[in-house]
Amino acid sequence: MSRSPMIWGGLALGLGVAMTSLYTVDAREIAVVTSFGAPVKTVLEPGLSFKLPWPIHEVVRYDQRARVLAAEPTELLTEDKKNLVVEPYAVWRISDPQRFLEAVGNVEAAELRISDICISRIASSLGQVQFTDLLSVEATGSQFLPETVKAEVARSAEDLLGVEIIDVRLHSVGLPIQNEQSIYERMRAERSRTANQYRSEGEEKAMGIRAKADRQAAEILADAEQKAAVIEAKADEEAGVLYAKTYALDPDLYAFVRALEASERVLEEGGIVVLDSGASPFETLLETP
């Protein structure tokens, strides 16, 4: 009977040791087994595993899901010493838990280091670009954050911290508050100069087009007048021939018809004409049948 408490105590102790020697890693986690604080094993696959009892071995777990880090707005300089305020953000996750544990140990410290890496690489890139090139109409996002910068951030974070950088982007790019007004004024002046240049070039081209159109119109009109004169001369010639033939057929009748036509043109409605009644063509009006 005296052995029963010892047996039960031994069973309880063994059960406790077994319980502390078994551990599970969730599918969303990766872990590091440490021995008195020093990493001895990396666990990348989920499931049930065995370790030595605490305090010999201890399991440090990390969430391996992607995280979004929004860095603080930072003022950087371009190549021509102009200030820009950039606000980058990064999507990252832990890829090497042992290196992560040795380098930073926790997420908060890791995000500070990742933010510093992003800012330093972006600052180095912007330091090689002119301010006017960044704010020109043709500027693209790759001028603010080239792919080479993203690759450098990813490589540095992997080597130094054991994290994978999935993406790096700029949430916003702005101007320092104290410089905004003067920069906007310069931008407006530049845009105004460009607009005036476009207007002057347009007016010059318009003048050239109008001069060409006027010249072509004058040439077309002159050609039309020349053709009309030729047609009129030909028509007059043909009319003269007809008149001559008509006169030859009956000279008296021809003279009588011409006299009537002349009378019709002269005696317009409301007009008064004083002529010799015996003169042509009015003698025809006084003749009696």
C-alpha atoms as a PDB file:
ATOM      1  CA  MET A   1       0.000   0.000   0.000  1.00  0.00           C
ATOM      2  CA  SER A   2       2.886   2.373   0.713  1.00  0.00           C
ATOM      3  CA  ARG A   3       4.054   2.033  -2.871  1.00  0.00           C
ATOM      4  CA  SER A   4       0.802   3.221  -4.423  1.00  0.00           C
ATOM      5  CA  PRO A   5       1.394   6.966  -3.946  1.00  0.00           C
ATOM      6  CA  MET A   6       4.881   6.602  -5.388  1.00  0.00           C
ATOM      7  CA  ILE A   7       3.552   4.707  -8.415  1.00  0.00           C
ATOM      8  CA  TRP A   8       0.812   7.224  -9.007  1.00  0.00           C
ATOM      9  CA  GLY A   9       3.295  10.043  -8.527  1.00  0.00           C
ATOM     10  CA  GLY A  10       5.659   8.451 -11.020  1.00  0.00           C
ATOM     11  CA  LEU A  11       2.851   7.998 -13.534  1.00  0.00           C
ATOM     12  CA  ALA A  12       1.782  11.597 -13.094  1.00  0.00           C
ATOM     13  CA  LEU A  13       5.364  12.777 -13.508  1.00  0.00           C
ATOM     14  CA  GLY A  14       5.812  10.654 -16.626  1.00  0.00           C
ATOM     15  CA  LEU A  15       2.553  11.906 -18.036  1.00  0.00           C
ATOM     16  CA  GLY A  16       3.580  15.488 -17.356  1.00  0.00           C
ATOM     17  CA  VAL A  17       6.944  14.955 -19.035  1.00  0.00           C
ATOM     18  CA  ALA A  18       5.222  13.343 -22.023  1.00  0.00           C
ATOM     19  CA  MET A  19       2.762  16.184 -22.265  1.00  0.00           C
ATOM     20  CA  THR A  20       5.528  18.805 -22.226  1.00  0.00           C
ATOM     21  CA  SER A  21       7.543  16.808 -24.754  1.00  0.00           C
ATOM     22  CA  LEU A  22       4.797  16.799 -27.387  1.00  0.00           C
ATOM     23  CA  TYR A  23       3.781  19.904 -29.268  1.00  0.00           C
ATOM     24  CA  THR A  24       1.812  20.812 -32.378  1.00  0.00           C
ATOM     25  CA  VAL A  25       2.412  23.419 -35.060  1.00  0.00           C
ATOM     26  CA  ASP A  26      -0.634  24.919 -36.770  1.00  0.00           C
ATOM     27  CA  ALA A  27      -0.877  25.091 -40.587  1.00  0.00           C
ATOM     28  CA  ARG A  28      -0.608  28.883 -40.328  1.00  0.00           C
ATOM     29  CA  GLU A  29       2.567  28.708 -38.228  1.00  0.00           C
ATOM     30  CA  ILE A  30       6.250  27.901 -38.385  1.00  0.00           C
ATOM     31  CA  ALA A  31       8.346  27.323 -35.290  1.00  0.00           C
ATOM     32  CA  VAL A  32      11.827  27.167 -33.805  1.00  0.00           C
ATOM     33  CA  VAL A  33      12.814  24.769 -31.029  1.00  0.00           C
ATOM     34  CA  THR A  34      15.353  26.351 -28.688  1.00  0.00           C
ATOM     35  CA  SER A  35      17.603  24.848 -26.051  1.00  0.00           C
ATOM     36  CA  PHE A  36      18.164  27.324 -23.265  1.00  0.00           C
ATOM     37  CA  GLY A  37      17.488  30.104 -25.726  1.00  0.00           C
ATOM     38  CA  ALA A  38      19.686  28.802 -28.565  1.00  0.00           C
ATOM     39  CA  PRO A  39      17.910  27.548 -31.741  1.00  0.00           C
ATOM     40  CA  VAL A  40      18.335  23.815 -32.321  1.00  0.00           C
ATOM     41  CA  LYS A  41      15.559  22.942 -34.761  1.00  0.00           C
ATOM     42  CA  THR A  42      13.349  24.638 -37.348  1.00  0.00           C
ATOM     43  CA  VAL A  43       9.816  23.352 -37.916  1.00  0.00           C
ATOM     44  CA  LEU A  44       8.315  24.406 -41.245  1.00  0.00           C
ATOM     45  CA  GLU A  45       5.606  21.744 -41.613  1.00  0.00           C
ATOM     46  CA  PRO A  46       2.446  21.588 -39.486  1.00  0.00           C
ATOM     47  CA  GLY A  47       1.685  18.591 -37.281  1.00  0.00           C
ATOM     48  CA  LEU A  48       2.626  16.844 -34.046  1.00  0.00           C
ATOM     49  CA  SER A  49       6.326  16.809 -33.028  1.00  0.00           C
ATOM     50  CA  PHE A  50       8.497  15.787 -30.087  1.00  0.00           C
ATOM     51  CA  LYS A  51      10.982  17.778 -28.009  1.00  0.00           C
ATOM     52  CA  LEU A  52      12.715  17.512 -24.692  1.00  0.00           C
ATOM     53  CA  PRO A  53      10.741  18.767 -21.707  1.00  0.00           C
ATOM     54  CA  TRP A  54      10.794  22.363 -20.593  1.00  0.00           C
ATOM     55  CA  PRO A  55      13.055  24.072 -19.588  1.00  0.00           C
ATOM     56  CA  ILE A  56      15.517  22.156 -21.776  1.00  0.00           C
ATOM     57  CA  HIS A  57      13.590  22.767 -24.965  1.00  0.00           C
ATOM     58  CA  GLU A  58      11.112  25.514 -25.715  1.00  0.00           C
ATOM     59  CA  VAL A  59       9.002  26.143 -28.844  1.00  0.00           C
ATOM     60  CA  VAL A  60       8.845  29.637 -30.351  1.00  0.00           C
ATOM     61  CA  ARG A  61       5.995  29.962 -32.864  1.00  0.00           C
ATOM     62  CA  TYR A  62       5.548  32.567 -35.602  1.00  0.00           C
ATOM     63  CA  ASP A  63       2.593  33.301 -37.841  1.00  0.00           C
ATOM     64  CA  GLN A  64       3.781  32.713 -41.408  1.00  0.00           C
ATOM     65  CA  ARG A  65       0.854  34.500 -43.098  1.00  0.00           C
ATOM     66  CA  ALA A  66       1.569  37.623 -45.126  1.00  0.00           C
ATOM     67  CA  ARG A  67       1.573  40.946 -43.286  1.00  0.00           C
ATOM     68  CA  VAL A  68       1.251  44.519 -44.544  1.00  0.00           C
ATOM     69  CA  LEU A  69       3.736  47.042 -43.194  1.00  0.00           C
ATOM     70  CA  ALA A  70       2.880  50.727 -43.689  1.00  0.00           C
ATOM     71  CA  ALA A  71       6.027  52.779 -43.152  1.00  0.00           C
ATOM     72  CA  GLU A  72       5.901  56.286 -41.747  1.00  0.00           C
ATOM     73  CA  PRO A  73       6.013  59.186 -44.268  1.00  0.00           C
ATOM     74  CA  THR A  74       9.643  60.158 -44.801  1.00  0.00           C
ATOM     75  CA  GLU A  75      11.186  63.197 -46.476  1.00  0.00           C
ATOM     76  CA  LEU A  76      13.840  62.309 -49.089  1.00  0.00           C
ATOM     77  CA  LEU A  77      16.024  64.275 -51.521  1.00  0.00           C
ATOM     78  CA  THR A  78      16.212  63.977 -55.301  1.00  0.00           C
ATOM     79  CA  GLU A  79      19.420  64.348 -57.305  1.00  0.00           C
ATOM     80  CA  ASP A  80      18.923  68.123 -57.595  1.00  0.00           C
ATOM     81  CA  LYS A  81      18.332  68.415 -53.810  1.00  0.00           C
ATOM     82  CA  LYS A  82      14.549  68.817 -53.988  1.00  0.00           C
ATOM     83  CA  ASN A  83      12.448  67.362 -51.176  1.00  0.00           C
ATOM     84  CA  LEU A  84       9.818  64.665 -51.604  1.00  0.00           C
ATOM     85  CA  VAL A  85       7.701  62.980 -48.948  1.00  0.00           C
ATOM     86  CA  VAL A  86       7.251  59.265 -49.653  1.00  0.00           C
ATOM     87  CA  GLU A  87       5.097  56.760 -47.798  1.00  0.00           C
ATOM     88  CA  PRO A  88       6.053  53.191 -48.767  1.00  0.00           C
ATOM     89  CA  TYR A  89       4.398  49.969 -47.723  1.00  0.00           C
ATOM     90  CA  ALA A  90       5.564  46.358 -47.938  1.00  0.00           C
ATOM     91  CA  VAL A  91       3.882  42.961 -47.937  1.00  0.00           C
ATOM     92  CA  TRP A  92       6.065  40.425 -46.117  1.00  0.00           C
ATOM     93  CA  ARG A  93       6.114  37.137 -44.216  1.00  0.00           C
ATOM     94  CA  ILE A  94       8.571  35.093 -42.208  1.00  0.00           C
ATOM     95  CA  SER A  95      10.416  32.564 -44.364  1.00  0.00           C
ATOM     96  CA  ASP A  96      13.323  31.476 -42.101  1.00  0.00           C
ATOM     97  CA  PRO A  97      12.152  31.387 -38.472  1.00  0.00           C
ATOM     98  CA  GLN A  98      15.591  30.585 -37.047  1.00  0.00           C
ATOM     99  CA  ARG A  99      17.268  33.541 -38.747  1.00  0.00           C
ATOM    100  CA  PHE A 100      14.292  35.714 -37.810  1.00  0.00           C
ATOM    101  CA  LEU A 101      14.619  34.692 -34.147  1.00  0.00           C
ATOM    102  CA  GLU A 102      18.340  35.380 -34.103  1.00  0.00           C
ATOM    103  CA  ALA A 103      18.074  38.708 -35.961  1.00  0.00           C
ATOM    104  CA  VAL A 104      15.047  40.414 -34.398  1.00  0.00           C
ATOM    105  CA  GLY A 105      12.993  37.930 -32.408  1.00  0.00           C
ATOM    106  CA  ASN A 106       9.585  39.574 -32.781  1.00  0.00           C
ATOM    107  CA  VAL A 107       7.343  41.177 -35.390  1.00  0.00           C
ATOM    108  CA  GLU A 108       7.571  44.741 -34.060  1.00  0.00           C
ATOM    109  CA  ALA A 109      11.373  44.814 -34.271  1.00  0.00           C
ATOM    110  CA  ALA A 110      11.245  43.168 -37.722  1.00  0.00           C
ATOM    111  CA  GLU A 111       8.896  45.835 -39.088  1.00  0.00           C
ATOM    112  CA  LEU A 112      11.201  48.590 -37.888  1.00  0.00           C
ATOM    113  CA  ARG A 113      14.123  46.956 -39.704  1.00  0.00           C
ATOM    114  CA  ILE A 114      12.083  46.342 -42.878  1.00  0.00           C
ATOM    115  CA  SER A 115      10.905  49.963 -42.853  1.00  0.00           C
ATOM    116  CA  ASP A 116      14.524  51.158 -42.563  1.00  0.00           C
ATOM    117  CA  ILE A 117      15.595  48.928 -45.455  1.00  0.00           C
ATOM    118  CA  CYS A 118      12.761  50.181 -47.682  1.00  0.00           C
ATOM    119  CA  ILE A 119      13.440  53.841 -46.928  1.00  0.00           C
ATOM    120  CA  SER A 120      17.205  53.532 -47.449  1.00  0.00           C
ATOM    121  CA  ARG A 121      16.841  51.777 -50.836  1.00  0.00           C
ATOM    122  CA  ILE A 122      14.162  54.215 -52.050  1.00  0.00           C
ATOM    123  CA  ALA A 123      16.266  57.180 -50.897  1.00  0.00           C
ATOM    124  CA  SER A 124      19.246  55.827 -52.843  1.00  0.00           C
ATOM    125  CA  SER A 125      17.095  55.449 -55.977  1.00  0.00           C
ATOM    126  CA  LEU A 126      15.471  58.904 -55.752  1.00  0.00           C
ATOM    127  CA  GLY A 127      18.883  60.443 -55.168  1.00  0.00           C
ATOM    128  CA  GLN A 128      19.752  59.560 -58.777  1.00  0.00           C
ATOM    129  CA  VAL A 129      16.659  61.153 -60.385  1.00  0.00           C
ATOM    130  CA  GLN A 130      15.895  64.803 -61.181  1.00  0.00           C
ATOM    131  CA  PHE A 131      12.856  66.317 -59.485  1.00  0.00           C
ATOM    132  CA  THR A 132      11.443  67.621 -62.791  1.00  0.00           C
ATOM    133  CA  ASP A 133      11.666  64.123 -64.321  1.00  0.00           C
ATOM    134  CA  LEU A 134       9.573  62.690 -61.495  1.00  0.00           C
ATOM    135  CA  LEU A 135       6.860  65.335 -61.855  1.00  0.00           C
ATOM    136  CA  SER A 136       6.728  65.448 -65.642  1.00  0.00           C
ATOM    137  CA  VAL A 137       3.669  64.344 -67.620  1.00  0.00           C
ATOM    138  CA  GLU A 138       5.562  61.296 -68.910  1.00  0.00           C
ATOM    139  CA  ALA A 139       6.615  60.141 -65.425  1.00  0.00           C
ATOM    140  CA  THR A 140       5.634  56.584 -64.453  1.00  0.00           C
ATOM    141  CA  GLY A 141       5.534  54.677 -61.196  1.00  0.00           C
ATOM    142  CA  SER A 142       8.732  52.819 -62.122  1.00  0.00           C
ATOM    143  CA  GLN A 143      10.684  56.099 -61.891  1.00  0.00           C
ATOM    144  CA  PHE A 144       9.728  56.456 -58.231  1.00  0.00           C
ATOM    145  CA  LEU A 145      10.235  52.796 -57.359  1.00  0.00           C
ATOM    146  CA  PRO A 146      12.154  50.764 -59.979  1.00  0.00           C
ATOM    147  CA  GLU A 147      12.058  46.972 -59.961  1.00  0.00           C
ATOM    148  CA  THR A 148      15.744  46.949 -58.997  1.00  0.00           C
ATOM    149  CA  VAL A 149      14.863  48.681 -55.719  1.00  0.00           C
ATOM    150  CA  LYS A 150      12.223  46.060 -54.947  1.00  0.00           C
ATOM    151  CA  ALA A 151      14.766  43.324 -55.641  1.00  0.00           C
ATOM    152  CA  GLU A 152      17.344  44.959 -53.363  1.00  0.00           C
ATOM    153  CA  VAL A 153      14.803  45.300 -50.534  1.00  0.00           C
ATOM    154  CA  ALA A 154      13.786  41.653 -50.913  1.00  0.00           C
ATOM    155  CA  ARG A 155      17.390  40.431 -50.973  1.00  0.00           C
ATOM    156  CA  SER A 156      18.438  42.481 -47.934  1.00  0.00           C
ATOM    157  CA  ALA A 157      15.389  41.457 -45.886  1.00  0.00           C
ATOM    158  CA  GLU A 158      15.946  37.792 -46.727  1.00  0.00           C
ATOM    159  CA  ASP A 159      19.652  37.856 -45.889  1.00  0.00           C
ATOM    160  CA  LEU A 160      19.425  39.970 -42.748  1.00  0.00           C
ATOM    161  CA  LEU A 161      16.070  39.088 -41.222  1.00  0.00           C
ATOM    162  CA  GLY A 162      14.907  35.800 -42.703  1.00  0.00           C
ATOM    163  CA  VAL A 163      11.733  37.327 -44.141  1.00  0.00           C
ATOM    164  CA  GLU A 164      10.286  37.195 -47.656  1.00  0.00           C
ATOM    165  CA  ILE A 165       9.270  40.526 -49.220  1.00  0.00           C
ATOM    166  CA  ILE A 166       6.285  39.784 -51.425  1.00  0.00           C
ATOM    167  CA  ASP A 167       5.852  43.331 -52.720  1.00  0.00           C
ATOM    168  CA  VAL A 168       7.000  46.894 -52.105  1.00  0.00           C
ATOM    169  CA  ARG A 169       5.010  49.901 -53.302  1.00  0.00           C
ATOM    170  CA  LEU A 170       4.520  53.580 -52.607  1.00  0.00           C
ATOM    171  CA  HIS A 171       1.271  54.460 -50.884  1.00  0.00           C
ATOM    172  CA  SER A 172       1.777  58.151 -51.681  1.00  0.00           C
ATOM    173  CA  VAL A 173       4.360  60.627 -52.952  1.00  0.00           C
ATOM    174  CA  GLY A 174       3.970  64.262 -51.981  1.00  0.00           C
ATOM    175  CA  LEU A 175       5.708  67.526 -51.308  1.00  0.00           C
ATOM    176  CA  PRO A 176       6.700  69.011 -47.973  1.00  0.00           C
ATOM    177  CA  ILE A 177       3.978  71.340 -46.747  1.00  0.00           C
ATOM    178  CA  GLN A 178       6.316  74.326 -46.531  1.00  0.00           C
ATOM    179  CA  ASN A 179       7.403  73.861 -50.164  1.00  0.00           C
ATOM    180  CA  GLU A 180       4.118  72.952 -51.792  1.00  0.00           C
ATOM    181  CA  GLN A 181       2.969  76.452 -52.762  1.00  0.00           C
ATOM    182  CA  SER A 182       6.229  77.551 -54.388  1.00  0.00           C
ATOM    183  CA  ILE A 183       6.567  74.245 -56.223  1.00  0.00           C
ATOM    184  CA  TYR A 184       2.989  74.441 -57.466  1.00  0.00           C
ATOM    185  CA  GLU A 185       3.654  77.976 -58.714  1.00  0.00           C
ATOM    186  CA  ARG A 186       6.713  76.792 -60.636  1.00  0.00           C
ATOM    187  CA  MET A 187       4.735  73.885 -62.043  1.00  0.00           C
ATOM    188  CA  ARG A 188       1.952  76.228 -63.173  1.00  0.00           C
ATOM    189  CA  ALA A 189       4.493  78.583 -64.775  1.00  0.00           C
ATOM    190  CA  GLU A 190       6.128  75.663 -66.579  1.00  0.00           C
ATOM    191  CA  ARG A 191       2.778  74.364 -67.807  1.00  0.00           C
ATOM    192  CA  SER A 192       1.842  77.885 -68.932  1.00  0.00           C
ATOM    193  CA  ARG A 193       5.082  78.202 -70.924  1.00  0.00           C
ATOM    194  CA  THR A 194       4.472  74.845 -72.506  1.00  0.00           C
ATOM    195  CA  ALA A 195       0.878  75.792 -73.370  1.00  0.00           C
ATOM    196  CA  ASN A 196       2.009  79.080 -74.922  1.00  0.00           C
ATOM    197  CA  GLN A 197       4.588  77.248 -76.973  1.00  0.00           C
ATOM    198  CA  TYR A 198       1.951  74.800 -78.219  1.00  0.00           C
ATOM    199  CA  ARG A 199      -0.367  77.727 -79.067  1.00  0.00           C
ATOM    200  CA  SER A 200       2.325  79.592 -81.022  1.00  0.00           C
ATOM    201  CA  GLU A 201       3.249  76.426 -82.902  1.00  0.00           C
ATOM    202  CA  GLY A 202      -0.423  75.825 -83.641  1.00  0.00           C
ATOM    203  CA  GLU A 203      -0.952  79.369 -84.882  1.00  0.00           C
ATOM    204  CA  GLU A 204       2.126  79.104 -87.096  1.00  0.00           C
ATOM    205  CA  LYS A 205       0.872  75.861 -88.612  1.00  0.00           C
ATOM    206  CA  ALA A 206      -2.620  77.359 -89.012  1.00  0.00           C
ATOM    207  CA  MET A 207      -1.196  80.363 -90.879  1.00  0.00           C
ATOM    208  CA  GLY A 208       0.703  78.045 -93.186  1.00  0.00           C
ATOM    209  CA  ILE A 209      -2.417  75.968 -93.823  1.00  0.00           C
ATOM    210  CA  ARG A 210      -4.521  79.080 -94.486  1.00  0.00           C
ATOM    211  CA  ALA A 211      -1.907  80.530 -96.867  1.00  0.00           C
ATOM    212  CA  LYS A 212      -1.741  77.235 -98.750  1.00  0.00           C
ATOM    213  CA  ALA A 213      -5.544  77.075 -98.933  1.00  0.00           C
ATOM    214  CA  ASP A 214      -5.766  80.695-100.185  1.00  0.00           C
ATOM    215  CA  ARG A 215      -3.132  79.992-102.823  1.00  0.00           C
ATOM    216  CA  GLN A 216      -4.937  76.876-103.989  1.00  0.00           C
ATOM    217  CA  ALA A 217      -8.264  78.756-104.052  1.00  0.00           C
ATOM    218  CA  ALA A 218      -6.719  81.552-106.149  1.00  0.00           C
ATOM    219  CA  GLU A 219      -5.231  79.016-108.549  1.00  0.00           C
ATOM    220  CA  ILE A 220      -8.566  77.198-108.879  1.00  0.00           C
ATOM    221  CA  LEU A 221     -10.424  80.511-109.401  1.00  0.00           C
ATOM    222  CA  ALA A 222      -7.935  81.720-112.010  1.00  0.00           C
ATOM    223  CA  ASP A 223      -8.147  78.414-113.840  1.00  0.00           C
ATOM    224  CA  ALA A 224     -11.952  78.565-113.742  1.00  0.00           C
ATOM    225  CA  GLU A 225     -11.992  82.146-115.039  1.00  0.00           C
ATOM    226  CA  GLN A 226      -9.624  81.195-117.851  1.00  0.00           C
ATOM    227  CA  LYS A 227     -11.809  78.258-118.828  1.00  0.00           C
ATOM    228  CA  ALA A 228     -14.925  80.453-118.596  1.00  0.00           C
ATOM    229  CA  ALA A 229     -13.334  83.084-120.861  1.00  0.00           C
ATOM    230  CA  VAL A 230     -12.472  80.406-123.417  1.00  0.00           C
ATOM    231  CA  ILE A 231     -16.022  79.058-123.290  1.00  0.00           C
ATOM    232  CA  GLU A 232     -17.508  82.563-123.613  1.00  0.00           C
ATOM    233  CA  ALA A 233     -15.248  83.370-126.578  1.00  0.00           C
ATOM    234  CA  LYS A 234     -16.223  80.149-128.265  1.00  0.00           C
ATOM    235  CA  ALA A 235     -19.897  80.846-127.568  1.00  0.00           C
ATOM    236  CA  ASP A 236     -19.584  84.399-128.951  1.00  0.00           C
ATOM    237  CA  GLU A 237     -17.899  83.026-132.045  1.00  0.00           C
ATOM    238  CA  GLU A 238     -20.644  80.453-132.565  1.00  0.00           C
ATOM    239  CA  ALA A 239     -23.310  83.144-131.942  1.00  0.00           C
ATOM    240  CA  GLY A 240     -21.670  85.409-134.527  1.00  0.00           C
ATOM    241  CA  VAL A 241     -21.765  82.605-137.053  1.00  0.00           C
ATOM    242  CA  LEU A 242     -25.462  81.999-136.323  1.00  0.00           C
ATOM    243  CA  TYR A 243     -26.235  85.713-136.587  1.00  0.00           C
ATOM    244  CA  ALA A 244     -24.459  85.841-139.934  1.00  0.00           C
ATOM    245  CA  LYS A 245     -26.351  82.829-141.259  1.00  0.00           C
ATOM    246  CA  THR A 246     -29.659  84.221-140.016  1.00  0.00           C
ATOM    247  CA  TYR A 247     -28.993  87.616-141.610  1.00  0.00           C
ATOM    248  CA  ALA A 248     -28.104  85.961-144.885  1.00  0.00           C
ATOM    249  CA  LEU A 249     -31.437  84.088-145.001  1.00  0.00           C
ATOM    250  CA  ASP A 250     -33.670  87.231-144.674  1.00  0.00           C
ATOM    251  CA  PRO A 251     -31.921  90.539-143.989  1.00  0.00           C
ATOM    252  CA  ASP A 252     -35.175  92.525-143.592  1.00  0.00           C
ATOM    253  CA  LEU A 253     -36.690  90.120-141.089  1.00  0.00           C
ATOM    254  CA  TYR A 254     -33.433  89.983-139.192  1.00  0.00           C
ATOM    255  CA  ALA A 255     -33.265  93.783-139.002  1.00  0.00           C
ATOM    256  CA  PHE A 256     -36.910  93.960-137.863  1.00  0.00           C
ATOM    257  CA  VAL A 257     -36.401  91.348-135.032  1.00  0.00           C
ATOM    258  CA  ARG A 258     -33.237  93.083-133.848  1.00  0.00           C
ATOM    259  CA  ALA A 259     -35.096  96.399-133.773  1.00  0.00           C
ATOM    260  CA  LEU A 260     -37.836  94.863-131.612  1.00  0.00           C
ATOM    261  CA  GLU A 261     -35.302  93.360-129.222  1.00  0.00           C
ATOM    262  CA  ALA A 262     -33.540  96.724-128.914  1.00  0.00           C
ATOM    263  CA  SER A 263     -36.868  98.463-128.247  1.00  0.00           C
ATOM    264  CA  GLU A 264     -37.712  95.951-125.503  1.00  0.00           C
ATOM    265  CA  ARG A 265     -34.405  96.540-123.745  1.00  0.00           C
ATOM    266  CA  VAL A 266     -34.647 100.343-123.967  1.00  0.00           C
ATOM    267  CA  LEU A 267     -38.315 100.814-123.079  1.00  0.00           C
ATOM    268  CA  GLU A 268     -38.235  99.503-119.516  1.00  0.00           C
ATOM    269  CA  GLU A 269     -41.248  99.976-117.262  1.00  0.00           C
ATOM    270  CA  GLY A 270     -41.402 103.495-115.757  1.00  0.00           C
ATOM    271  CA  GLY A 271     -38.740 104.871-118.049  1.00  0.00           C
ATOM    272  CA  ILE A 272     -39.003 107.926-120.415  1.00  0.00           C
ATOM    273  CA  VAL A 273     -37.002 108.018-123.637  1.00  0.00           C
ATOM    274  CA  VAL A 274     -37.077 110.929-126.134  1.00  0.00           C
ATOM    275  CA  LEU A 275     -35.810 109.934-129.585  1.00  0.00           C
ATOM    276  CA  ASP A 276     -36.407 110.723-133.207  1.00  0.00           C
ATOM    277  CA  SER A 277     -39.486 108.785-134.205  1.00  0.00           C
ATOM    278  CA  GLY A 278     -38.105 108.246-137.620  1.00  0.00           C
ATOM    279  CA  ALA A 279     -34.905 106.688-136.381  1.00  0.00           C
ATOM    280  CA  SER A 280     -34.276 103.008-136.048  1.00  0.00           C
ATOM    281  CA  PRO A 281     -35.699 101.061-134.357  1.00  0.00           C
ATOM    282  CA  PHE A 282     -38.734 103.217-133.535  1.00  0.00           C
ATOM    283  CA  GLU A 283     -39.921 103.671-137.112  1.00  0.00           C
ATOM    284  CA  THR A 284     -41.343 100.175-136.767  1.00  0.00           C
ATOM    285  CA  LEU A 285     -43.679 101.387-134.019  1.00  0.00           C
ATOM    286  CA  LEU A 286     -45.162 104.117-136.279  1.00  0.00           C
ATOM    287  CA  GLU A 287     -45.705 101.981-139.315  1.00  0.00           C
ATOM    288  CA  THR A 288     -49.306 101.147-140.058  1.00  0.00           C
ATOM    289  CA  PRO A 289     -50.325  97.742-141.333  1.00  0.00           C
END
